[in-house]
Amino acid sequence: MSKDVPVSTGDATVDEALARLTDLDGAPVREHLHVLEAVHDALQGRLADAEG
């Protein structure tokens, strides 16, 4: 995974969630699940907000 922050989506919540994926670089595998769950939860929450 690259340390580059993804291109902006125009949605601050989504951008912040995707930026968390860079936390996986160099992190022990046992920590990956925690980061991936947090990103998943943030994206699900944002989708729920968008769907109203």
PDB file of N, CA and C in Angstrom:
ATOM      1  N   MET A   1       0.847  -1.174   0.000  1.00  0.00           N
ATOM      2  CA  MET A   1       0.000   0.000   0.000  1.00  0.00           C
ATOM      3  C   MET A   1       0.893   1.238   0.000  1.00  0.00           C
ATOM      4  N   SER A   2       0.478   2.247  -0.685  1.00  0.00           N
ATOM      5  CA  SER A   2       1.258   3.471  -0.799  1.00  0.00           C
ATOM      6  C   SER A   2       0.972   4.411   0.362  1.00  0.00           C
ATOM      7  N   LYS A   3       1.959   5.186   0.722  1.00  0.00           N
ATOM      8  CA  LYS A   3       1.759   6.179   1.787  1.00  0.00           C
ATOM      9  C   LYS A   3       1.046   7.419   1.258  1.00  0.00           C
ATOM     10  N   ASP A   4       0.842   7.491  -0.052  1.00  0.00           N
ATOM     11  CA  ASP A   4       0.150   8.640  -0.619  1.00  0.00           C
ATOM     12  C   ASP A   4      -1.302   8.630  -0.187  1.00  0.00           C
ATOM     13  N   VAL A   5      -1.798   9.799   0.179  1.00  0.00           N
ATOM     14  CA  VAL A   5      -3.211   9.926   0.522  1.00  0.00           C
ATOM     15  C   VAL A   5      -3.993   9.890  -0.782  1.00  0.00           C
ATOM     16  N   PRO A   6      -5.084   9.134  -0.821  1.00  0.00           N
ATOM     17  CA  PRO A   6      -5.870   9.048  -2.053  1.00  0.00           C
ATOM     18  C   PRO A   6      -6.355  10.421  -2.515  1.00  0.00           C
ATOM     19  N   VAL A   7      -6.655  10.507  -3.785  1.00  0.00           N
ATOM     20  CA  VAL A   7      -7.212  11.727  -4.353  1.00  0.00           C
ATOM     21  C   VAL A   7      -8.498  12.045  -3.605  1.00  0.00           C
ATOM     22  N   SER A   8      -8.732  13.317  -3.391  1.00  0.00           N
ATOM     23  CA  SER A   8      -9.920  13.747  -2.666  1.00  0.00           C
ATOM     24  C   SER A   8     -11.192  13.308  -3.378  1.00  0.00           C
ATOM     25  N   THR A   9     -12.125  12.803  -2.594  1.00  0.00           N
ATOM     26  CA  THR A   9     -13.430  12.408  -3.133  1.00  0.00           C
ATOM     27  C   THR A   9     -14.407  13.573  -3.093  1.00  0.00           C
ATOM     28  N   GLY A  10     -14.037  14.623  -2.363  1.00  0.00           N
ATOM     29  CA  GLY A  10     -14.943  15.739  -2.182  1.00  0.00           C
ATOM     30  C   GLY A  10     -15.812  15.596  -0.944  1.00  0.00           C
ATOM     31  N   ASP A  11     -15.662  14.479  -0.253  1.00  0.00           N
ATOM     32  CA  ASP A  11     -16.416  14.231   0.973  1.00  0.00           C
ATOM     33  C   ASP A  11     -15.401  14.021   2.092  1.00  0.00           C
ATOM     34  N   ALA A  12     -15.388  14.917   3.048  1.00  0.00           N
ATOM     35  CA  ALA A  12     -14.369  14.885   4.105  1.00  0.00           C
ATOM     36  C   ALA A  12     -14.408  13.594   4.910  1.00  0.00           C
ATOM     37  N   THR A  13     -15.592  13.072   5.176  1.00  0.00           N
ATOM     38  CA  THR A  13     -15.714  11.842   5.955  1.00  0.00           C
ATOM     39  C   THR A  13     -15.110  10.663   5.198  1.00  0.00           C
ATOM     40  N   VAL A  14     -15.399  10.567   3.919  1.00  0.00           N
ATOM     41  CA  VAL A  14     -14.861   9.488   3.089  1.00  0.00           C
ATOM     42  C   VAL A  14     -13.351   9.639   2.957  1.00  0.00           C
ATOM     43  N   ASP A  15     -12.892  10.859   2.708  1.00  0.00           N
ATOM     44  CA  ASP A  15     -11.453  11.095   2.572  1.00  0.00           C
ATOM     45  C   ASP A  15     -10.699  10.703   3.838  1.00  0.00           C
ATOM     46  N   GLU A  16     -11.253  11.044   4.985  1.00  0.00           N
ATOM     47  CA  GLU A  16     -10.615  10.703   6.259  1.00  0.00           C
ATOM     48  C   GLU A  16     -10.572   9.187   6.451  1.00  0.00           C
ATOM     49  N   ALA A  17     -11.669   8.516   6.110  1.00  0.00           N
ATOM     50  CA  ALA A  17     -11.707   7.055   6.243  1.00  0.00           C
ATOM     51  C   ALA A  17     -10.671   6.409   5.336  1.00  0.00           C
ATOM     52  N   LEU A  18     -10.602   6.842   4.092  1.00  0.00           N
ATOM     53  CA  LEU A  18      -9.636   6.268   3.159  1.00  0.00           C
ATOM     54  C   LEU A  18      -8.198   6.563   3.565  1.00  0.00           C
ATOM     55  N   ALA A  19      -7.972   7.727   4.118  1.00  0.00           N
ATOM     56  CA  ALA A  19      -6.624   8.076   4.570  1.00  0.00           C
ATOM     57  C   ALA A  19      -6.159   7.142   5.683  1.00  0.00           C
ATOM     58  N   ARG A  20      -7.093   6.612   6.456  1.00  0.00           N
ATOM     59  CA  ARG A  20      -6.732   5.671   7.526  1.00  0.00           C
ATOM     60  C   ARG A  20      -6.094   4.404   6.987  1.00  0.00           C
ATOM     61  N   LEU A  21      -6.351   4.088   5.715  1.00  0.00           N
ATOM     62  CA  LEU A  21      -5.750   2.896   5.124  1.00  0.00           C
ATOM     63  C   LEU A  21      -4.229   2.990   5.088  1.00  0.00           C
ATOM     64  N   THR A  22      -3.705   4.207   5.081  1.00  0.00           N
ATOM     65  CA  THR A  22      -2.247   4.356   5.095  1.00  0.00           C
ATOM     66  C   THR A  22      -1.677   3.905   6.429  1.00  0.00           C
ATOM     67  N   ASP A  23      -2.534   3.776   7.459  1.00  0.00           N
ATOM     68  CA  ASP A  23      -2.077   3.276   8.758  1.00  0.00           C
ATOM     69  C   ASP A  23      -1.629   1.815   8.672  1.00  0.00           C
ATOM     70  N   LEU A  24      -2.015   1.144   7.599  1.00  0.00           N
ATOM     71  CA  LEU A  24      -1.647  -0.259   7.450  1.00  0.00           C
ATOM     72  C   LEU A  24      -0.178  -0.437   7.082  1.00  0.00           C
ATOM     73  N   ASP A  25       0.410   0.571   6.458  1.00  0.00           N
ATOM     74  CA  ASP A  25       1.820   0.499   6.074  1.00  0.00           C
ATOM     75  C   ASP A  25       2.691   0.309   7.305  1.00  0.00           C
ATOM     76  N   GLY A  26       3.387  -0.779   7.333  1.00  0.00           N
ATOM     77  CA  GLY A  26       4.319  -1.024   8.423  1.00  0.00           C
ATOM     78  C   GLY A  26       3.676  -1.481   9.717  1.00  0.00           C
ATOM     79  N   ALA A  27       2.352  -1.527   9.759  1.00  0.00           N
ATOM     80  CA  ALA A  27       1.666  -1.970  10.982  1.00  0.00           C
ATOM     81  C   ALA A  27       1.660  -3.493  11.022  1.00  0.00           C
ATOM     82  N   PRO A  28       1.761  -4.047  12.207  1.00  0.00           N
ATOM     83  CA  PRO A  28       1.666  -5.504  12.319  1.00  0.00           C
ATOM     84  C   PRO A  28       0.308  -5.985  11.798  1.00  0.00           C
ATOM     85  N   VAL A  29       0.301  -7.153  11.196  1.00  0.00           N
ATOM     86  CA  VAL A  29      -0.931  -7.688  10.620  1.00  0.00           C
ATOM     87  C   VAL A  29      -2.047  -7.753  11.653  1.00  0.00           C
ATOM     88  N   ARG A  30      -1.726  -8.016  12.892  1.00  0.00           N
ATOM     89  CA  ARG A  30      -2.766  -8.125  13.930  1.00  0.00           C
ATOM     90  C   ARG A  30      -3.522  -6.804  14.118  1.00  0.00           C
ATOM     91  N   GLU A  31      -2.952  -5.698  13.681  1.00  0.00           N
ATOM     92  CA  GLU A  31      -3.619  -4.393  13.794  1.00  0.00           C
ATOM     93  C   GLU A  31      -4.458  -4.054  12.558  1.00  0.00           C
ATOM     94  N   HIS A  32      -4.285  -4.794  11.479  1.00  0.00           N
ATOM     95  CA  HIS A  32      -5.003  -4.486  10.238  1.00  0.00           C
ATOM     96  C   HIS A  32      -6.508  -4.587  10.404  1.00  0.00           C
ATOM     97  N   LEU A  33      -6.962  -5.617  11.092  1.00  0.00           N
ATOM     98  CA  LEU A  33      -8.398  -5.803  11.251  1.00  0.00           C
ATOM     99  C   LEU A  33      -9.038  -4.597  11.927  1.00  0.00           C
ATOM    100  N   HIS A  34      -8.404  -4.074  12.957  1.00  0.00           N
ATOM    101  CA  HIS A  34      -8.942  -2.913  13.665  1.00  0.00           C
ATOM    102  C   HIS A  34      -9.080  -1.717  12.715  1.00  0.00           C
ATOM    103  N   VAL A  35      -8.066  -1.464  11.916  1.00  0.00           N
ATOM    104  CA  VAL A  35      -8.100  -0.328  10.977  1.00  0.00           C
ATOM    105  C   VAL A  35      -9.167  -0.565   9.915  1.00  0.00           C
ATOM    106  N   LEU A  36      -9.202  -1.759   9.354  1.00  0.00           N
ATOM    107  CA  LEU A  36     -10.181  -2.053   8.308  1.00  0.00           C
ATOM    108  C   LEU A  36     -11.616  -1.972   8.833  1.00  0.00           C
ATOM    109  N   GLU A  37     -11.842  -2.431  10.044  1.00  0.00           N
ATOM    110  CA  GLU A  37     -13.178  -2.320  10.632  1.00  0.00           C
ATOM    111  C   GLU A  37     -13.566  -0.868  10.847  1.00  0.00           C
ATOM    112  N   ALA A  38     -12.624  -0.048  11.293  1.00  0.00           N
ATOM    113  CA  ALA A  38     -12.911   1.370  11.520  1.00  0.00           C
ATOM    114  C   ALA A  38     -13.244   2.071  10.202  1.00  0.00           C
ATOM    115  N   VAL A  39     -12.496   1.755   9.159  1.00  0.00           N
ATOM    116  CA  VAL A  39     -12.768   2.349   7.836  1.00  0.00           C
ATOM    117  C   VAL A  39     -14.132   1.878   7.339  1.00  0.00           C
ATOM    118  N   HIS A  40     -14.399   0.606   7.457  1.00  0.00           N
ATOM    119  CA  HIS A  40     -15.687   0.052   7.026  1.00  0.00           C
ATOM    120  C   HIS A  40     -16.839   0.724   7.759  1.00  0.00           C
ATOM    121  N   ASP A  41     -16.726   0.845   9.067  1.00  0.00           N
ATOM    122  CA  ASP A  41     -17.776   1.481   9.868  1.00  0.00           C
ATOM    123  C   ASP A  41     -17.991   2.933   9.458  1.00  0.00           C
ATOM    124  N   ALA A  42     -16.900   3.652   9.231  1.00  0.00           N
ATOM    125  CA  ALA A  42     -17.008   5.062   8.835  1.00  0.00           C
ATOM    126  C   ALA A  42     -17.696   5.194   7.481  1.00  0.00           C
ATOM    127  N   LEU A  43     -17.332   4.325   6.539  1.00  0.00           N
ATOM    128  CA  LEU A  43     -17.946   4.396   5.210  1.00  0.00           C
ATOM    129  C   LEU A  43     -19.411   3.971   5.254  1.00  0.00           C
ATOM    130  N   GLN A  44     -19.728   2.969   6.045  1.00  0.00           N
ATOM    131  CA  GLN A  44     -21.134   2.558   6.189  1.00  0.00           C
ATOM    132  C   GLN A  44     -21.961   3.679   6.813  1.00  0.00           C
ATOM    133  N   GLY A  45     -21.392   4.329   7.814  1.00  0.00           N
ATOM    134  CA  GLY A  45     -22.086   5.441   8.458  1.00  0.00           C
ATOM    135  C   GLY A  45     -22.348   6.579   7.494  1.00  0.00           C
ATOM    136  N   ARG A  46     -21.363   6.881   6.686  1.00  0.00           N
ATOM    137  CA  ARG A  46     -21.522   7.971   5.711  1.00  0.00           C
ATOM    138  C   ARG A  46     -22.558   7.607   4.662  1.00  0.00           C
ATOM    139  N   LEU A  47     -22.556   6.357   4.226  1.00  0.00           N
ATOM    140  CA  LEU A  47     -23.543   5.913   3.258  1.00  0.00           C
ATOM    141  C   LEU A  47     -24.951   6.000   3.841  1.00  0.00           C
ATOM    142  N   ALA A  48     -25.099   5.602   5.082  1.00  0.00           N
ATOM    143  CA  ALA A  48     -26.401   5.684   5.745  1.00  0.00           C
ATOM    144  C   ALA A  48     -26.871   7.140   5.834  1.00  0.00           C
ATOM    145  N   ASP A  49     -25.930   8.043   6.146  1.00  0.00           N
ATOM    146  CA  ASP A  49     -26.269   9.468   6.213  1.00  0.00           C
ATOM    147  C   ASP A  49     -26.724   9.988   4.849  1.00  0.00           C
ATOM    148  N   ALA A  50     -26.042   9.549   3.801  1.00  0.00           N
ATOM    149  CA  ALA A  50     -26.364  10.013   2.445  1.00  0.00           C
ATOM    150  C   ALA A  50     -27.707   9.487   1.968  1.00  0.00           C
ATOM    151  N   GLU A  51     -28.045   8.289   2.428  1.00  0.00           N
ATOM    152  CA  GLU A  51     -29.325   7.697   2.012  1.00  0.00           C
ATOM    153  C   GLU A  51     -30.504   8.270   2.795  1.00  0.00           C
ATOM    154  N   GLY A  52     -30.177   8.954   3.903  1.00  0.00           N
ATOM    155  CA  GLY A  52     -31.192   9.640   4.694  1.00  0.00           C
ATOM    156  C   GLY A  52     -32.073   8.745   5.437  1.00  0.00           C
TER     157      GLY A  52
END
